Amino acid sequence: MSRKKILDLLNNCKGQYVRTSISGIGIVAARLLGYDSSTGMVELDIAYPWDIAGYTEVNLIDLVTITCIGWELPPQYQQHQYQQHHHGSTHGRQWIWTNQYGWIQVPY
């Protein structure tokens, strides 16, 4: 995917869920929180896979593909209630409420 197409999608999909392939991680579903053009960092709140769920920043260079999947997380990426109870640790993250994005996880 061309850099221009990725930049267009980053601008058009902000606040929505995206499906993206990240170098070294693979396919993820995440809410696109923002993009800082001065640093090249993309802010994501990863929803799937569940074992790495939470806030992260990745460099634009590491995004192989990106596709908008909408304002709601599709069912195939949602964690079932019974899995949430057994998920355990937040791995150094805490939940915070934002008016723009709802509940998101951020590092301590």
C-alpha atoms as a PDB file:
ATOM      1  CA  MET A   1       0.000   0.000   0.000  1.00  0.00           C
ATOM      2  CA  SER A   2       1.406   3.414  -0.914  1.00  0.00           C
ATOM      3  CA  ARG A   3       2.422   5.894   1.785  1.00  0.00           C
ATOM      4  CA  LYS A   4      -0.027   8.473   0.354  1.00  0.00           C
ATOM      5  CA  LYS A   5      -2.933   6.005   0.592  1.00  0.00           C
ATOM      6  CA  ILE A   6      -1.981   5.158   4.199  1.00  0.00           C
ATOM      7  CA  LEU A   7      -1.807   8.878   5.099  1.00  0.00           C
ATOM      8  CA  ASP A   8      -5.221   9.479   3.495  1.00  0.00           C
ATOM      9  CA  LEU A   9      -6.713   6.611   5.505  1.00  0.00           C
ATOM     10  CA  LEU A  10      -5.117   7.883   8.733  1.00  0.00           C
ATOM     11  CA  ASN A  11      -6.835  11.235   8.189  1.00  0.00           C
ATOM     12  CA  ASN A  12     -10.192   9.805   7.098  1.00  0.00           C
ATOM     13  CA  CYS A  13     -10.450   7.028   9.700  1.00  0.00           C
ATOM     14  CA  LYS A  14      -9.471   8.898  12.878  1.00  0.00           C
ATOM     15  CA  GLY A  15     -11.635   7.744  15.776  1.00  0.00           C
ATOM     16  CA  GLN A  16     -12.854   4.678  13.868  1.00  0.00           C
ATOM     17  CA  TYR A  17     -11.774   1.067  14.101  1.00  0.00           C
ATOM     18  CA  VAL A  18      -9.201  -0.058  11.572  1.00  0.00           C
ATOM     19  CA  ARG A  19      -7.791  -3.401  10.529  1.00  0.00           C
ATOM     20  CA  THR A  20      -4.074  -3.065   9.985  1.00  0.00           C
ATOM     21  CA  SER A  21      -0.992  -5.164   9.502  1.00  0.00           C
ATOM     22  CA  ILE A  22       1.948  -4.043  11.629  1.00  0.00           C
ATOM     23  CA  SER A  23       5.497  -5.216  10.936  1.00  0.00           C
ATOM     24  CA  GLY A  24       6.591  -7.659  13.635  1.00  0.00           C
ATOM     25  CA  ILE A  25       3.073  -8.003  15.100  1.00  0.00           C
ATOM     26  CA  GLY A  26       0.734  -9.037  12.284  1.00  0.00           C
ATOM     27  CA  ILE A  27      -2.955  -8.279  11.808  1.00  0.00           C
ATOM     28  CA  VAL A  28      -4.656  -6.167  14.484  1.00  0.00           C
ATOM     29  CA  ALA A  29      -8.020  -4.468  14.911  1.00  0.00           C
ATOM     30  CA  ALA A  30      -7.717  -1.155  16.732  1.00  0.00           C
ATOM     31  CA  ARG A  31      -9.310   2.228  17.218  1.00  0.00           C
ATOM     32  CA  LEU A  32      -7.229   4.822  15.387  1.00  0.00           C
ATOM     33  CA  LEU A  33      -6.638   7.562  17.959  1.00  0.00           C
ATOM     34  CA  GLY A  34      -4.365   9.819  15.945  1.00  0.00           C
ATOM     35  CA  TYR A  35      -1.287  10.437  13.851  1.00  0.00           C
ATOM     36  CA  ASP A  36       1.543  12.860  14.626  1.00  0.00           C
ATOM     37  CA  SER A  37       3.104  13.902  11.313  1.00  0.00           C
ATOM     38  CA  SER A  38       6.077  15.516  13.092  1.00  0.00           C
ATOM     39  CA  THR A  39       7.152  12.222  14.699  1.00  0.00           C
ATOM     40  CA  GLY A  40       5.579   9.724  12.296  1.00  0.00           C
ATOM     41  CA  MET A  41       3.866   7.964  15.211  1.00  0.00           C
ATOM     42  CA  VAL A  42       0.389   6.452  14.909  1.00  0.00           C
ATOM     43  CA  GLU A  43      -1.672   6.090  18.111  1.00  0.00           C
ATOM     44  CA  LEU A  44      -3.798   2.954  18.336  1.00  0.00           C
ATOM     45  CA  ASP A  45      -6.016   1.365  20.966  1.00  0.00           C
ATOM     46  CA  ILE A  46      -5.650  -2.295  20.026  1.00  0.00           C
ATOM     47  CA  ALA A  47      -8.799  -4.379  20.527  1.00  0.00           C
ATOM     48  CA  TYR A  48      -7.611  -7.590  18.824  1.00  0.00           C
ATOM     49  CA  PRO A  49      -5.633  -9.759  19.375  1.00  0.00           C
ATOM     50  CA  TRP A  50      -6.754  -9.686  22.997  1.00  0.00           C
ATOM     51  CA  ASP A  51      -3.389 -10.647  24.483  1.00  0.00           C
ATOM     52  CA  ILE A  52      -1.867  -7.350  23.293  1.00  0.00           C
ATOM     53  CA  ALA A  53      -4.990  -5.204  23.702  1.00  0.00           C
ATOM     54  CA  GLY A  54      -4.536  -1.624  24.838  1.00  0.00           C
ATOM     55  CA  TYR A  55      -2.922   1.651  23.905  1.00  0.00           C
ATOM     56  CA  THR A  56       0.187   1.629  21.748  1.00  0.00           C
ATOM     57  CA  GLU A  57       2.112   3.841  19.370  1.00  0.00           C
ATOM     58  CA  VAL A  58       3.683   2.514  16.182  1.00  0.00           C
ATOM     59  CA  ASN A  59       5.770   4.224  13.558  1.00  0.00           C
ATOM     60  CA  LEU A  60       4.037   4.912  10.253  1.00  0.00           C
ATOM     61  CA  ILE A  61       6.812   2.936   8.547  1.00  0.00           C
ATOM     62  CA  ASP A  62       5.626  -0.214  10.374  1.00  0.00           C
ATOM     63  CA  LEU A  63       2.074  -0.042   8.962  1.00  0.00           C
ATOM     64  CA  VAL A  64       1.969  -2.428   6.011  1.00  0.00           C
ATOM     65  CA  THR A  65      -1.759  -2.052   5.286  1.00  0.00           C
ATOM     66  CA  ILE A  66      -4.711  -0.270   6.866  1.00  0.00           C
ATOM     67  CA  THR A  67      -8.462  -0.484   6.248  1.00  0.00           C
ATOM     68  CA  CYS A  68     -11.298   1.382   7.984  1.00  0.00           C
ATOM     69  CA  ILE A  69     -13.803  -1.070   9.482  1.00  0.00           C
ATOM     70  CA  GLY A  70     -16.210   1.446  11.037  1.00  0.00           C
ATOM     71  CA  TRP A  71     -17.263   3.110  14.266  1.00  0.00           C
ATOM     72  CA  GLU A  72     -18.185  -0.175  15.958  1.00  0.00           C
ATOM     73  CA  LEU A  73     -15.829  -3.110  16.443  1.00  0.00           C
ATOM     74  CA  PRO A  74     -17.040  -6.017  14.261  1.00  0.00           C
ATOM     75  CA  PRO A  75     -18.145  -9.136  16.217  1.00  0.00           C
ATOM     76  CA  GLN A  76     -15.246 -11.285  15.006  1.00  0.00           C
ATOM     77  CA  TYR A  77     -12.832  -8.997  16.889  1.00  0.00           C
ATOM     78  CA  GLN A  78     -14.867  -8.659  20.086  1.00  0.00           C
ATOM     79  CA  GLN A  79     -13.781 -10.493  23.199  1.00  0.00           C
ATOM     80  CA  HIS A  80     -16.527 -12.622  24.694  1.00  0.00           C
ATOM     81  CA  GLN A  81     -17.597 -11.879  28.258  1.00  0.00           C
ATOM     82  CA  TYR A  82     -16.178 -15.134  29.673  1.00  0.00           C
ATOM     83  CA  GLN A  83     -12.779 -14.361  28.146  1.00  0.00           C
ATOM     84  CA  GLN A  84     -12.669 -10.916  29.728  1.00  0.00           C
ATOM     85  CA  HIS A  85     -12.969 -12.396  33.222  1.00  0.00           C
ATOM     86  CA  HIS A  86      -9.979 -14.661  32.622  1.00  0.00           C
ATOM     87  CA  HIS A  87      -7.838 -12.062  30.875  1.00  0.00           C
ATOM     88  CA  GLY A  88      -6.083 -11.071  34.119  1.00  0.00           C
ATOM     89  CA  SER A  89      -3.349  -8.451  34.104  1.00  0.00           C
ATOM     90  CA  THR A  90      -3.565  -5.189  32.196  1.00  0.00           C
ATOM     91  CA  HIS A  91       0.206  -5.414  31.604  1.00  0.00           C
ATOM     92  CA  GLY A  92       1.113  -1.978  32.943  1.00  0.00           C
ATOM     93  CA  ARG A  93      -1.963  -0.226  31.552  1.00  0.00           C
ATOM     94  CA  GLN A  94      -4.886   1.536  33.143  1.00  0.00           C
ATOM     95  CA  TRP A  95      -8.356   2.348  31.825  1.00  0.00           C
ATOM     96  CA  ILE A  96      -9.284   6.011  31.384  1.00  0.00           C
ATOM     97  CA  TRP A  97     -12.478   7.646  30.078  1.00  0.00           C
ATOM     98  CA  THR A  98     -12.242  10.113  27.200  1.00  0.00           C
ATOM     99  CA  ASN A  99     -15.216  12.056  25.845  1.00  0.00           C
ATOM    100  CA  GLN A 100     -14.009  11.528  22.293  1.00  0.00           C
ATOM    101  CA  TYR A 101     -13.201   7.774  22.375  1.00  0.00           C
ATOM    102  CA  GLY A 102     -14.901   6.360  25.487  1.00  0.00           C
ATOM    103  CA  TRP A 103     -12.889   3.922  27.623  1.00  0.00           C
ATOM    104  CA  ILE A 104      -9.307   3.350  26.464  1.00  0.00           C
ATOM    105  CA  GLN A 105      -6.237   1.777  28.041  1.00  0.00           C
ATOM    106  CA  VAL A 106      -3.090   3.828  28.519  1.00  0.00           C
ATOM    107  CA  PRO A 107       0.317   3.021  30.054  1.00  0.00           C
ATOM    108  CA  TYR A 108       0.759   3.852  33.759  1.00  0.00           C
END
